[in-house]
Amino acid sequence: MSVFDNSEYDNHEQVLFCRDGEAGLFAIIAIHDTTLGPAAGGCRMWPYASVNEAVTDVLRLSQAMSYKNALAGLSLGGGKSVIIGDPNKDKNEELLTSFARFVQRLGGQYYTAEDIGIGISDVEVLAKESDYVFGLSTTGDPSPFTARGCFEGMRAAVKHKLSRDSLDGLKVAVQGVGNVGQFLCKNLHEAGAELVVADVNSEAIA
């Protein structure tokens, strides 16, 4: 399927396929919109079942980053990247270094950061090869802030729909309890919500 025929394609400015056989890298960088500034969005590493699945994800995520950065009042556009592979098996310094070089070649059109499968230590590796990296250890883990934003959005939705200020006693399902999900569950638990959690990693919910 052509990128242009993908249901998530939304006049993206650029979609780049990054391949380095020696490093085992197959990545996709999508730049959705740079009207407000250079595109920014994290890099996700995931064992996608197919290239089409990865393309769909990166198109969808990069578009969302355009709206997210605009709503936050940032002078940044929307972008995202995905690396096809299992972060628990395939991730290594050579692969990350190769990806960082592709980001560097864009000359500041796209800034990357951590996401699912890519942590702060990985971002530190990227920063050795690219000037266009956010989320270094000096700025701390962004996961608690992402979780807080999600939590506040849920509070606003509950107030709008149920006309109540509290989440106390409400049953909330959380799918995925990684870095962000764990902090979100903590926020919800402290607010008195009843939690139902699920994750493909059984150890995460133990």
N, C-alpha and C. Protein backbone atom coordinates (compact mmCIF):
# COMPACT_ATOMS: atom_id res chain seq x y z
N MET A 1 0.84 -1.20 0.00
CA MET A 1 0.00 0.00 0.00
C MET A 1 0.88 1.25 0.00
N SER A 2 0.54 2.22 -0.84
CA SER A 2 1.26 3.48 -0.87
C SER A 2 0.97 4.28 0.40
N VAL A 3 1.96 5.05 0.85
CA VAL A 3 1.75 5.93 2.00
C VAL A 3 0.59 6.87 1.74
N PHE A 4 0.46 7.34 0.51
CA PHE A 4 -0.59 8.30 0.17
C PHE A 4 -1.98 7.68 0.23
N ASP A 5 -2.04 6.35 0.17
CA ASP A 5 -3.33 5.66 0.23
C ASP A 5 -3.69 5.23 1.64
N ASN A 6 -2.77 5.41 2.57
CA ASN A 6 -3.02 5.02 3.95
C ASN A 6 -4.11 5.90 4.55
N SER A 7 -5.01 5.31 5.30
CA SER A 7 -6.14 6.05 5.88
C SER A 7 -5.70 7.14 6.85
N GLU A 8 -4.48 7.02 7.40
CA GLU A 8 -3.99 8.00 8.36
C GLU A 8 -3.16 9.11 7.71
N TYR A 9 -2.97 9.02 6.40
CA TYR A 9 -2.21 10.07 5.71
C TYR A 9 -3.04 11.35 5.69
N ASP A 10 -2.42 12.45 6.14
CA ASP A 10 -3.14 13.73 6.28
C ASP A 10 -2.26 14.86 5.74
N ASN A 11 -1.89 14.74 4.48
CA ASN A 11 -1.03 15.74 3.85
C ASN A 11 0.27 15.95 4.63
N HIS A 12 0.83 14.86 5.12
CA HIS A 12 2.11 14.93 5.81
C HIS A 12 3.16 15.54 4.89
N GLU A 13 4.01 16.37 5.47
CA GLU A 13 5.03 17.04 4.67
C GLU A 13 6.13 16.07 4.21
N GLN A 14 6.53 15.17 5.10
CA GLN A 14 7.58 14.22 4.75
C GLN A 14 7.34 12.89 5.47
N VAL A 15 7.64 11.81 4.79
CA VAL A 15 7.68 10.49 5.40
C VAL A 15 8.96 9.83 4.91
N LEU A 16 9.88 9.57 5.83
CA LEU A 16 11.19 9.06 5.46
C LEU A 16 11.38 7.63 5.97
N PHE A 17 11.81 6.76 5.07
CA PHE A 17 12.13 5.39 5.43
C PHE A 17 13.64 5.29 5.62
N CYS A 18 14.06 4.87 6.80
CA CYS A 18 15.48 4.85 7.16
C CYS A 18 15.94 3.40 7.30
N ARG A 19 16.90 3.00 6.48
CA ARG A 19 17.34 1.61 6.48
C ARG A 19 18.86 1.54 6.59
N ASP A 20 19.33 0.75 7.54
CA ASP A 20 20.75 0.47 7.70
C ASP A 20 20.87 -1.00 8.03
N GLY A 21 21.16 -1.79 7.00
CA GLY A 21 21.21 -3.24 7.18
C GLY A 21 22.28 -3.69 8.15
N GLU A 22 23.43 -3.04 8.13
CA GLU A 22 24.53 -3.44 9.02
C GLU A 22 24.16 -3.23 10.49
N ALA A 23 23.43 -2.15 10.75
CA ALA A 23 23.04 -1.86 12.14
C ALA A 23 21.72 -2.52 12.52
N GLY A 24 21.05 -3.13 11.54
CA GLY A 24 19.76 -3.76 11.82
C GLY A 24 18.64 -2.76 11.99
N LEU A 25 18.81 -1.57 11.41
CA LEU A 25 17.82 -0.51 11.58
C LEU A 25 16.83 -0.46 10.44
N PHE A 26 15.55 -0.44 10.79
CA PHE A 26 14.48 -0.10 9.85
C PHE A 26 13.56 0.84 10.61
N ALA A 27 13.62 2.11 10.26
CA ALA A 27 12.85 3.14 10.96
C ALA A 27 12.08 4.00 9.98
N ILE A 28 11.07 4.66 10.48
CA ILE A 28 10.27 5.59 9.68
C ILE A 28 10.12 6.88 10.47
N ILE A 29 10.40 8.00 9.83
CA ILE A 29 10.21 9.31 10.43
C ILE A 29 9.11 10.03 9.65
N ALA A 30 8.09 10.48 10.36
CA ALA A 30 6.99 11.20 9.72
C ALA A 30 6.92 12.63 10.25
N ILE A 31 6.96 13.58 9.35
CA ILE A 31 6.80 14.99 9.70
C ILE A 31 5.44 15.43 9.17
N HIS A 32 4.54 15.73 10.08
CA HIS A 32 3.18 16.05 9.68
C HIS A 32 3.02 17.50 9.26
N ASP A 33 3.44 18.43 10.14
CA ASP A 33 3.23 19.85 9.86
C ASP A 33 4.27 20.69 10.59
N THR A 34 4.87 21.63 9.90
CA THR A 34 5.88 22.50 10.52
C THR A 34 5.48 23.97 10.46
N THR A 35 4.19 24.23 10.39
CA THR A 35 3.71 25.61 10.34
C THR A 35 4.16 26.41 11.55
N LEU A 36 4.09 25.81 12.73
CA LEU A 36 4.43 26.52 13.96
C LEU A 36 5.91 26.43 14.32
N GLY A 37 6.63 25.53 13.67
CA GLY A 37 8.04 25.35 13.99
C GLY A 37 8.48 23.97 13.59
N PRO A 38 9.72 23.60 13.94
CA PRO A 38 10.21 22.27 13.59
C PRO A 38 9.36 21.18 14.22
N ALA A 39 9.25 20.06 13.54
CA ALA A 39 8.45 18.96 14.06
C ALA A 39 9.12 18.34 15.27
N ALA A 40 8.31 17.95 16.24
CA ALA A 40 8.83 17.32 17.45
C ALA A 40 7.91 16.20 17.88
N GLY A 41 8.51 15.10 18.28
CA GLY A 41 7.75 13.95 18.76
C GLY A 41 8.70 12.79 19.01
N GLY A 42 8.37 11.96 19.95
CA GLY A 42 9.26 10.89 20.36
C GLY A 42 9.45 9.79 19.34
N CYS A 43 10.39 8.92 19.65
CA CYS A 43 10.68 7.75 18.83
C CYS A 43 10.17 6.51 19.56
N ARG A 44 9.37 5.73 18.88
CA ARG A 44 8.80 4.51 19.44
C ARG A 44 9.46 3.30 18.81
N MET A 45 9.86 2.33 19.63
CA MET A 45 10.39 1.07 19.11
C MET A 45 9.43 -0.03 19.46
N TRP A 46 8.95 -0.72 18.42
CA TRP A 46 7.89 -1.71 18.64
C TRP A 46 7.99 -2.81 17.58
N PRO A 47 7.71 -4.06 17.94
CA PRO A 47 7.77 -5.17 16.96
C PRO A 47 6.51 -5.23 16.10
N TYR A 48 6.38 -4.26 15.22
CA TYR A 48 5.20 -4.20 14.35
C TYR A 48 5.10 -5.47 13.51
N ALA A 49 3.87 -5.89 13.26
CA ALA A 49 3.64 -7.11 12.49
C ALA A 49 3.96 -6.92 11.01
N SER A 50 3.93 -5.66 10.55
CA SER A 50 4.20 -5.38 9.14
C SER A 50 4.66 -3.94 9.00
N VAL A 51 5.24 -3.64 7.85
CA VAL A 51 5.64 -2.26 7.56
C VAL A 51 4.41 -1.36 7.48
N ASN A 52 3.34 -1.87 6.89
CA ASN A 52 2.11 -1.07 6.79
C ASN A 52 1.58 -0.68 8.17
N GLU A 53 1.69 -1.60 9.12
CA GLU A 53 1.25 -1.29 10.48
C GLU A 53 2.10 -0.18 11.08
N ALA A 54 3.40 -0.24 10.83
CA ALA A 54 4.31 0.80 11.33
C ALA A 54 4.02 2.14 10.68
N VAL A 55 3.76 2.13 9.38
CA VAL A 55 3.44 3.37 8.67
C VAL A 55 2.16 3.99 9.23
N THR A 56 1.15 3.17 9.43
CA THR A 56 -0.12 3.67 9.98
C THR A 56 0.10 4.32 11.34
N ASP A 57 0.91 3.68 12.17
CA ASP A 57 1.15 4.20 13.52
C ASP A 57 1.90 5.53 13.48
N VAL A 58 2.96 5.61 12.67
CA VAL A 58 3.76 6.83 12.65
C VAL A 58 3.00 7.99 12.03
N LEU A 59 2.13 7.72 11.06
CA LEU A 59 1.30 8.78 10.48
C LEU A 59 0.31 9.30 11.51
N ARG A 60 -0.32 8.38 12.21
CA ARG A 60 -1.31 8.76 13.22
C ARG A 60 -0.67 9.54 14.37
N LEU A 61 0.45 9.05 14.85
CA LEU A 61 1.11 9.68 15.98
C LEU A 61 1.67 11.06 15.64
N SER A 62 2.24 11.20 14.46
CA SER A 62 2.81 12.49 14.07
C SER A 62 1.72 13.55 13.90
N GLN A 63 0.58 13.15 13.38
CA GLN A 63 -0.54 14.08 13.26
C GLN A 63 -1.00 14.53 14.65
N ALA A 64 -1.08 13.58 15.57
CA ALA A 64 -1.50 13.92 16.93
C ALA A 64 -0.53 14.89 17.58
N MET A 65 0.77 14.76 17.27
CA MET A 65 1.76 15.66 17.85
C MET A 65 1.59 17.09 17.34
N SER A 66 1.11 17.25 16.11
CA SER A 66 0.84 18.61 15.61
C SER A 66 -0.19 19.30 16.49
N TYR A 67 -1.26 18.58 16.80
CA TYR A 67 -2.33 19.15 17.63
C TYR A 67 -1.86 19.32 19.07
N LYS A 68 -1.13 18.33 19.56
CA LYS A 68 -0.66 18.37 20.95
C LYS A 68 0.26 19.57 21.19
N ASN A 69 1.22 19.77 20.30
CA ASN A 69 2.15 20.88 20.46
C ASN A 69 1.46 22.23 20.28
N ALA A 70 0.50 22.28 19.35
CA ALA A 70 -0.24 23.53 19.13
C ALA A 70 -1.09 23.88 20.35
N LEU A 71 -1.78 22.88 20.90
CA LEU A 71 -2.63 23.12 22.07
C LEU A 71 -1.81 23.54 23.29
N ALA A 72 -0.57 23.06 23.34
CA ALA A 72 0.31 23.43 24.45
C ALA A 72 0.93 24.80 24.26
N GLY A 73 0.67 25.43 23.11
CA GLY A 73 1.20 26.75 22.85
C GLY A 73 2.68 26.76 22.53
N LEU A 74 3.19 25.65 22.02
CA LEU A 74 4.61 25.54 21.70
C LEU A 74 4.88 25.93 20.25
N SER A 75 6.04 26.47 20.01
CA SER A 75 6.44 26.83 18.65
C SER A 75 7.06 25.61 17.98
N LEU A 76 6.28 24.55 17.93
CA LEU A 76 6.73 23.27 17.39
C LEU A 76 5.64 22.66 16.53
N GLY A 77 6.06 21.96 15.49
CA GLY A 77 5.12 21.22 14.67
C GLY A 77 5.03 19.78 15.15
N GLY A 78 4.39 18.96 14.33
CA GLY A 78 4.17 17.57 14.72
C GLY A 78 5.01 16.59 13.93
N GLY A 79 5.67 15.71 14.65
CA GLY A 79 6.45 14.66 14.02
C GLY A 79 6.50 13.45 14.93
N LYS A 80 6.93 12.34 14.39
CA LYS A 80 7.07 11.12 15.18
C LYS A 80 7.97 10.17 14.40
N SER A 81 8.56 9.24 15.11
CA SER A 81 9.36 8.22 14.44
C SER A 81 9.11 6.87 15.10
N VAL A 82 9.27 5.82 14.31
CA VAL A 82 9.14 4.47 14.84
C VAL A 82 10.32 3.63 14.33
N ILE A 83 10.80 2.78 15.19
CA ILE A 83 11.81 1.79 14.82
C ILE A 83 11.15 0.43 14.89
N ILE A 84 11.22 -0.32 13.81
CA ILE A 84 10.59 -1.63 13.78
C ILE A 84 11.54 -2.65 14.42
N GLY A 85 11.11 -3.22 15.54
CA GLY A 85 11.94 -4.19 16.24
C GLY A 85 11.50 -4.33 17.68
N ASP A 86 11.95 -5.39 18.30
CA ASP A 86 11.64 -5.65 19.70
C ASP A 86 12.69 -4.96 20.56
N PRO A 87 12.28 -3.97 21.36
CA PRO A 87 13.27 -3.25 22.17
C PRO A 87 13.99 -4.13 23.18
N ASN A 88 13.39 -5.25 23.55
CA ASN A 88 14.01 -6.15 24.52
C ASN A 88 15.04 -7.07 23.88
N LYS A 89 15.01 -7.18 22.55
CA LYS A 89 15.91 -8.10 21.86
C LYS A 89 16.80 -7.42 20.82
N ASP A 90 16.24 -6.43 20.13
CA ASP A 90 16.92 -5.87 18.96
C ASP A 90 17.64 -4.55 19.22
N LYS A 91 17.35 -3.92 20.33
CA LYS A 91 17.91 -2.59 20.58
C LYS A 91 19.35 -2.68 21.04
N ASN A 92 20.21 -1.88 20.43
CA ASN A 92 21.60 -1.80 20.84
C ASN A 92 22.15 -0.43 20.44
N GLU A 93 23.36 -0.14 20.88
CA GLU A 93 23.93 1.19 20.64
C GLU A 93 24.16 1.45 19.15
N GLU A 94 24.54 0.43 18.41
CA GLU A 94 24.78 0.61 16.98
C GLU A 94 23.50 1.01 16.25
N LEU A 95 22.40 0.35 16.59
CA LEU A 95 21.12 0.67 15.97
C LEU A 95 20.69 2.09 16.31
N LEU A 96 20.80 2.46 17.59
CA LEU A 96 20.40 3.80 18.02
C LEU A 96 21.28 4.87 17.38
N THR A 97 22.56 4.60 17.29
CA THR A 97 23.48 5.55 16.67
C THR A 97 23.13 5.77 15.20
N SER A 98 22.80 4.70 14.52
CA SER A 98 22.41 4.81 13.11
C SER A 98 21.14 5.65 12.96
N PHE A 99 20.17 5.40 13.83
CA PHE A 99 18.93 6.18 13.77
C PHE A 99 19.21 7.66 14.01
N ALA A 100 20.06 7.95 14.99
CA ALA A 100 20.38 9.34 15.31
C ALA A 100 21.01 10.06 14.12
N ARG A 101 21.77 9.35 13.34
CA ARG A 101 22.40 9.96 12.16
C ARG A 101 21.36 10.35 11.12
N PHE A 102 20.30 9.55 11.00
CA PHE A 102 19.22 9.91 10.09
C PHE A 102 18.51 11.18 10.57
N VAL A 103 18.31 11.28 11.88
CA VAL A 103 17.69 12.48 12.45
C VAL A 103 18.57 13.69 12.20
N GLN A 104 19.87 13.52 12.37
CA GLN A 104 20.81 14.61 12.18
C GLN A 104 20.79 15.13 10.74
N ARG A 105 20.63 14.23 9.79
CA ARG A 105 20.62 14.61 8.38
C ARG A 105 19.45 15.54 8.04
N LEU A 106 18.41 15.50 8.85
CA LEU A 106 17.25 16.37 8.60
C LEU A 106 17.54 17.82 9.00
N GLY A 107 18.64 18.04 9.67
CA GLY A 107 19.08 19.40 9.96
C GLY A 107 18.17 20.23 10.82
N GLY A 108 17.45 19.60 11.74
CA GLY A 108 16.60 20.35 12.64
C GLY A 108 15.14 20.44 12.21
N GLN A 109 14.79 19.76 11.13
CA GLN A 109 13.38 19.72 10.74
C GLN A 109 12.56 18.87 11.70
N TYR A 110 13.25 17.94 12.38
CA TYR A 110 12.57 17.02 13.30
C TYR A 110 13.42 16.82 14.55
N TYR A 111 12.78 16.98 15.72
CA TYR A 111 13.40 16.70 17.01
C TYR A 111 12.77 15.44 17.60
N THR A 112 13.60 14.53 18.07
CA THR A 112 13.09 13.28 18.62
C THR A 112 13.28 13.24 20.14
N ALA A 113 12.68 12.23 20.76
CA ALA A 113 12.75 12.06 22.21
C ALA A 113 12.33 10.62 22.53
N GLU A 114 12.15 10.32 23.82
CA GLU A 114 11.77 8.96 24.19
C GLU A 114 10.28 8.70 23.96
N ASP A 115 9.96 7.44 23.85
CA ASP A 115 8.58 6.97 23.73
C ASP A 115 8.61 5.50 24.12
N ILE A 116 7.58 4.77 23.79
CA ILE A 116 7.53 3.35 24.12
C ILE A 116 8.74 2.63 23.52
N GLY A 117 9.46 1.91 24.35
CA GLY A 117 10.61 1.15 23.88
C GLY A 117 11.91 1.94 23.83
N ILE A 118 11.82 3.25 24.02
CA ILE A 118 13.00 4.12 24.01
C ILE A 118 13.01 4.92 25.30
N GLY A 119 14.03 4.69 26.13
CA GLY A 119 14.10 5.36 27.42
C GLY A 119 15.13 6.48 27.44
N ILE A 120 15.30 7.06 28.61
CA ILE A 120 16.21 8.19 28.76
C ILE A 120 17.65 7.78 28.41
N SER A 121 18.07 6.60 28.83
CA SER A 121 19.43 6.16 28.52
C SER A 121 19.63 6.01 27.02
N ASP A 122 18.58 5.60 26.31
CA ASP A 122 18.66 5.49 24.85
C ASP A 122 18.77 6.87 24.20
N VAL A 123 18.03 7.82 24.75
CA VAL A 123 18.07 9.19 24.24
C VAL A 123 19.47 9.78 24.41
N GLU A 124 20.13 9.42 25.50
CA GLU A 124 21.50 9.88 25.72
C GLU A 124 22.42 9.38 24.60
N VAL A 125 22.18 8.16 24.13
CA VAL A 125 22.96 7.62 23.01
C VAL A 125 22.66 8.41 21.74
N LEU A 126 21.39 8.70 21.50
CA LEU A 126 21.00 9.47 20.32
C LEU A 126 21.68 10.84 20.31
N ALA A 127 21.77 11.44 21.48
CA ALA A 127 22.32 12.80 21.59
C ALA A 127 23.81 12.86 21.27
N LYS A 128 24.48 11.72 21.28
CA LYS A 128 25.90 11.70 20.92
C LYS A 128 26.10 11.92 19.42
N GLU A 129 25.05 11.61 18.64
CA GLU A 129 25.15 11.70 17.18
C GLU A 129 24.26 12.77 16.57
N SER A 130 23.31 13.27 17.35
CA SER A 130 22.37 14.25 16.80
C SER A 130 22.18 15.42 17.76
N ASP A 131 22.08 16.61 17.18
CA ASP A 131 21.83 17.82 17.97
C ASP A 131 20.34 18.03 18.21
N TYR A 132 19.51 17.17 17.63
CA TYR A 132 18.07 17.42 17.62
C TYR A 132 17.34 16.37 18.46
N VAL A 133 17.65 16.40 19.75
CA VAL A 133 17.12 15.40 20.68
C VAL A 133 16.61 16.10 21.94
N PHE A 134 15.41 15.76 22.35
CA PHE A 134 14.84 16.23 23.61
C PHE A 134 14.84 15.09 24.62
N GLY A 135 14.56 15.43 25.89
CA GLY A 135 14.34 14.40 26.90
C GLY A 135 15.58 13.79 27.48
N LEU A 136 16.66 14.57 27.57
CA LEU A 136 17.89 14.05 28.16
C LEU A 136 17.74 13.93 29.67
N SER A 137 18.67 13.24 30.29
CA SER A 137 18.59 13.01 31.73
C SER A 137 18.63 14.31 32.52
N THR A 138 19.20 15.36 31.94
CA THR A 138 19.28 16.65 32.63
C THR A 138 17.90 17.28 32.80
N THR A 139 16.96 16.90 31.95
CA THR A 139 15.61 17.46 32.05
C THR A 139 14.64 16.51 32.74
N GLY A 140 15.07 15.29 33.03
CA GLY A 140 14.23 14.36 33.78
C GLY A 140 13.28 13.56 32.91
N ASP A 141 12.62 12.61 33.55
CA ASP A 141 11.67 11.72 32.89
C ASP A 141 10.36 12.46 32.63
N PRO A 142 9.90 12.54 31.37
CA PRO A 142 8.65 13.25 31.08
C PRO A 142 7.39 12.43 31.38
N SER A 143 7.56 11.15 31.71
CA SER A 143 6.40 10.27 31.90
C SER A 143 5.41 10.77 32.94
N PRO A 144 5.87 11.26 34.11
CA PRO A 144 4.90 11.74 35.10
C PRO A 144 4.05 12.91 34.59
N PHE A 145 4.65 13.75 33.76
CA PHE A 145 3.92 14.91 33.24
C PHE A 145 2.91 14.49 32.16
N THR A 146 3.30 13.51 31.34
CA THR A 146 2.37 12.98 30.35
C THR A 146 1.18 12.33 31.05
N ALA A 147 1.47 11.57 32.10
CA ALA A 147 0.41 10.91 32.86
C ALA A 147 -0.50 11.94 33.52
N ARG A 148 0.10 13.00 34.04
CA ARG A 148 -0.70 14.03 34.70
C ARG A 148 -1.63 14.72 33.71
N GLY A 149 -1.12 14.96 32.51
CA GLY A 149 -1.96 15.57 31.49
C GLY A 149 -3.15 14.69 31.14
N CYS A 150 -2.89 13.39 31.03
CA CYS A 150 -3.97 12.44 30.75
C CYS A 150 -4.97 12.42 31.90
N PHE A 151 -4.47 12.42 33.12
CA PHE A 151 -5.32 12.41 34.30
C PHE A 151 -6.22 13.64 34.36
N GLU A 152 -5.64 14.81 34.09
CA GLU A 152 -6.43 16.04 34.13
C GLU A 152 -7.48 16.05 33.02
N GLY A 153 -7.13 15.46 31.87
CA GLY A 153 -8.11 15.34 30.79
C GLY A 153 -9.28 14.46 31.20
N MET A 154 -8.99 13.39 31.93
CA MET A 154 -10.05 12.50 32.41
C MET A 154 -10.93 13.22 33.43
N ARG A 155 -10.31 14.00 34.29
CA ARG A 155 -11.09 14.77 35.27
C ARG A 155 -12.03 15.75 34.57
N ALA A 156 -11.52 16.40 33.53
CA ALA A 156 -12.35 17.36 32.79
C ALA A 156 -13.50 16.66 32.09
N ALA A 157 -13.23 15.46 31.54
CA ALA A 157 -14.27 14.70 30.86
C ALA A 157 -15.36 14.26 31.84
N VAL A 158 -14.93 13.82 33.02
CA VAL A 158 -15.89 13.39 34.05
C VAL A 158 -16.75 14.57 34.50
N LYS A 159 -16.13 15.71 34.66
CA LYS A 159 -16.89 16.89 35.08
C LYS A 159 -17.89 17.30 34.00
N HIS A 160 -17.48 17.21 32.75
CA HIS A 160 -18.37 17.59 31.64
C HIS A 160 -19.52 16.60 31.48
N LYS A 161 -19.20 15.32 31.55
CA LYS A 161 -20.20 14.30 31.26
C LYS A 161 -21.03 13.91 32.48
N LEU A 162 -20.39 13.84 33.64
CA LEU A 162 -21.08 13.35 34.84
C LEU A 162 -21.37 14.45 35.85
N SER A 163 -20.93 15.66 35.55
CA SER A 163 -21.18 16.82 36.43
C SER A 163 -20.66 16.58 37.85
N ARG A 164 -19.45 16.02 37.93
CA ARG A 164 -18.83 15.81 39.23
C ARG A 164 -17.34 16.13 39.14
N ASP A 165 -16.78 16.60 40.24
CA ASP A 165 -15.39 17.01 40.26
C ASP A 165 -14.44 15.88 40.65
N SER A 166 -14.97 14.82 41.22
CA SER A 166 -14.12 13.76 41.75
C SER A 166 -14.21 12.48 40.93
N LEU A 167 -13.11 11.74 40.90
CA LEU A 167 -13.09 10.42 40.27
C LEU A 167 -13.28 9.32 41.31
N ASP A 168 -13.51 9.71 42.54
CA ASP A 168 -13.65 8.76 43.64
C ASP A 168 -14.79 7.78 43.37
N GLY A 169 -14.47 6.48 43.42
CA GLY A 169 -15.48 5.45 43.22
C GLY A 169 -15.74 5.06 41.78
N LEU A 170 -15.18 5.80 40.83
CA LEU A 170 -15.38 5.46 39.43
C LEU A 170 -14.46 4.30 39.02
N LYS A 171 -14.96 3.42 38.19
CA LYS A 171 -14.15 2.32 37.68
C LYS A 171 -13.46 2.78 36.40
N VAL A 172 -12.14 2.67 36.37
CA VAL A 172 -11.35 3.14 35.23
C VAL A 172 -10.48 2.00 34.71
N ALA A 173 -10.55 1.74 33.42
CA ALA A 173 -9.72 0.72 32.80
C ALA A 173 -8.50 1.38 32.17
N VAL A 174 -7.33 0.85 32.45
CA VAL A 174 -6.08 1.36 31.89
C VAL A 174 -5.43 0.24 31.09
N GLN A 175 -5.30 0.45 29.80
CA GLN A 175 -4.66 -0.54 28.94
C GLN A 175 -3.23 -0.12 28.67
N GLY A 176 -2.30 -0.87 29.24
CA GLY A 176 -0.88 -0.54 29.10
C GLY A 176 -0.38 0.18 30.33
N VAL A 177 0.48 -0.47 31.10
CA VAL A 177 1.01 0.15 32.31
C VAL A 177 2.54 0.22 32.23
N GLY A 178 2.99 0.89 31.18
CA GLY A 178 4.41 1.17 31.05
C GLY A 178 4.77 2.39 31.87
N ASN A 179 5.72 3.18 31.38
CA ASN A 179 6.17 4.34 32.14
C ASN A 179 5.04 5.31 32.45
N VAL A 180 4.27 5.68 31.42
CA VAL A 180 3.17 6.62 31.61
C VAL A 180 2.02 5.96 32.36
N GLY A 181 1.68 4.74 31.96
CA GLY A 181 0.56 4.04 32.57
C GLY A 181 0.70 3.85 34.06
N GLN A 182 1.92 3.58 34.52
CA GLN A 182 2.14 3.39 35.95
C GLN A 182 1.87 4.67 36.73
N PHE A 183 2.34 5.80 36.19
CA PHE A 183 2.10 7.07 36.87
C PHE A 183 0.62 7.45 36.81
N LEU A 184 -0.04 7.13 35.69
CA LEU A 184 -1.47 7.41 35.58
C LEU A 184 -2.25 6.59 36.61
N CYS A 185 -1.90 5.33 36.75
CA CYS A 185 -2.57 4.48 37.74
C CYS A 185 -2.37 5.04 39.15
N LYS A 186 -1.19 5.54 39.42
CA LYS A 186 -0.91 6.14 40.73
C LYS A 186 -1.82 7.35 40.96
N ASN A 187 -1.95 8.20 39.95
CA ASN A 187 -2.82 9.38 40.07
C ASN A 187 -4.27 8.97 40.30
N LEU A 188 -4.71 7.98 39.54
CA LEU A 188 -6.10 7.52 39.65
C LEU A 188 -6.37 6.87 41.00
N HIS A 189 -5.42 6.07 41.47
CA HIS A 189 -5.57 5.42 42.76
C HIS A 189 -5.67 6.46 43.88
N GLU A 190 -4.81 7.46 43.82
CA GLU A 190 -4.83 8.51 44.84
C GLU A 190 -6.12 9.32 44.79
N ALA A 191 -6.76 9.34 43.61
CA ALA A 191 -8.03 10.06 43.47
C ALA A 191 -9.23 9.20 43.87
N GLY A 192 -8.97 7.95 44.25
CA GLY A 192 -10.04 7.08 44.72
C GLY A 192 -10.72 6.26 43.65
N ALA A 193 -10.15 6.22 42.45
CA ALA A 193 -10.77 5.44 41.38
C ALA A 193 -10.52 3.95 41.58
N GLU A 194 -11.43 3.14 41.07
CA GLU A 194 -11.27 1.69 41.09
C GLU A 194 -10.64 1.28 39.76
N LEU A 195 -9.49 0.63 39.82
CA LEU A 195 -8.71 0.38 38.62
C LEU A 195 -8.87 -1.04 38.08
N VAL A 196 -8.94 -1.13 36.76
CA VAL A 196 -8.85 -2.39 36.04
C VAL A 196 -7.74 -2.20 35.02
N VAL A 197 -6.66 -2.98 35.14
CA VAL A 197 -5.50 -2.75 34.28
C VAL A 197 -5.20 -3.98 33.43
N ALA A 198 -4.61 -3.73 32.27
CA ALA A 198 -4.22 -4.81 31.36
C ALA A 198 -2.93 -4.41 30.66
N ASP A 199 -2.09 -5.39 30.39
CA ASP A 199 -0.84 -5.13 29.68
C ASP A 199 -0.37 -6.44 29.04
N VAL A 200 0.26 -6.32 27.88
CA VAL A 200 0.78 -7.52 27.21
C VAL A 200 1.91 -8.14 28.02
N ASN A 201 2.53 -7.34 28.88
CA ASN A 201 3.59 -7.82 29.75
C ASN A 201 2.99 -8.14 31.12
N SER A 202 2.85 -9.42 31.42
CA SER A 202 2.20 -9.83 32.67
C SER A 202 2.95 -9.34 33.90
N GLU A 203 4.27 -9.16 33.77
CA GLU A 203 5.06 -8.70 34.91
C GLU A 203 4.73 -7.26 35.28
N ALA A 204 4.24 -6.49 34.30
CA ALA A 204 3.94 -5.08 34.56
C ALA A 204 2.74 -4.91 35.47
N ILE A 205 1.87 -5.92 35.52
CA ILE A 205 0.67 -5.80 36.35
C ILE A 205 0.71 -6.73 37.55
N ALA A 206 1.86 -7.32 37.78
CA ALA A 206 1.98 -8.25 38.91
C ALA A 206 1.94 -7.48 40.24
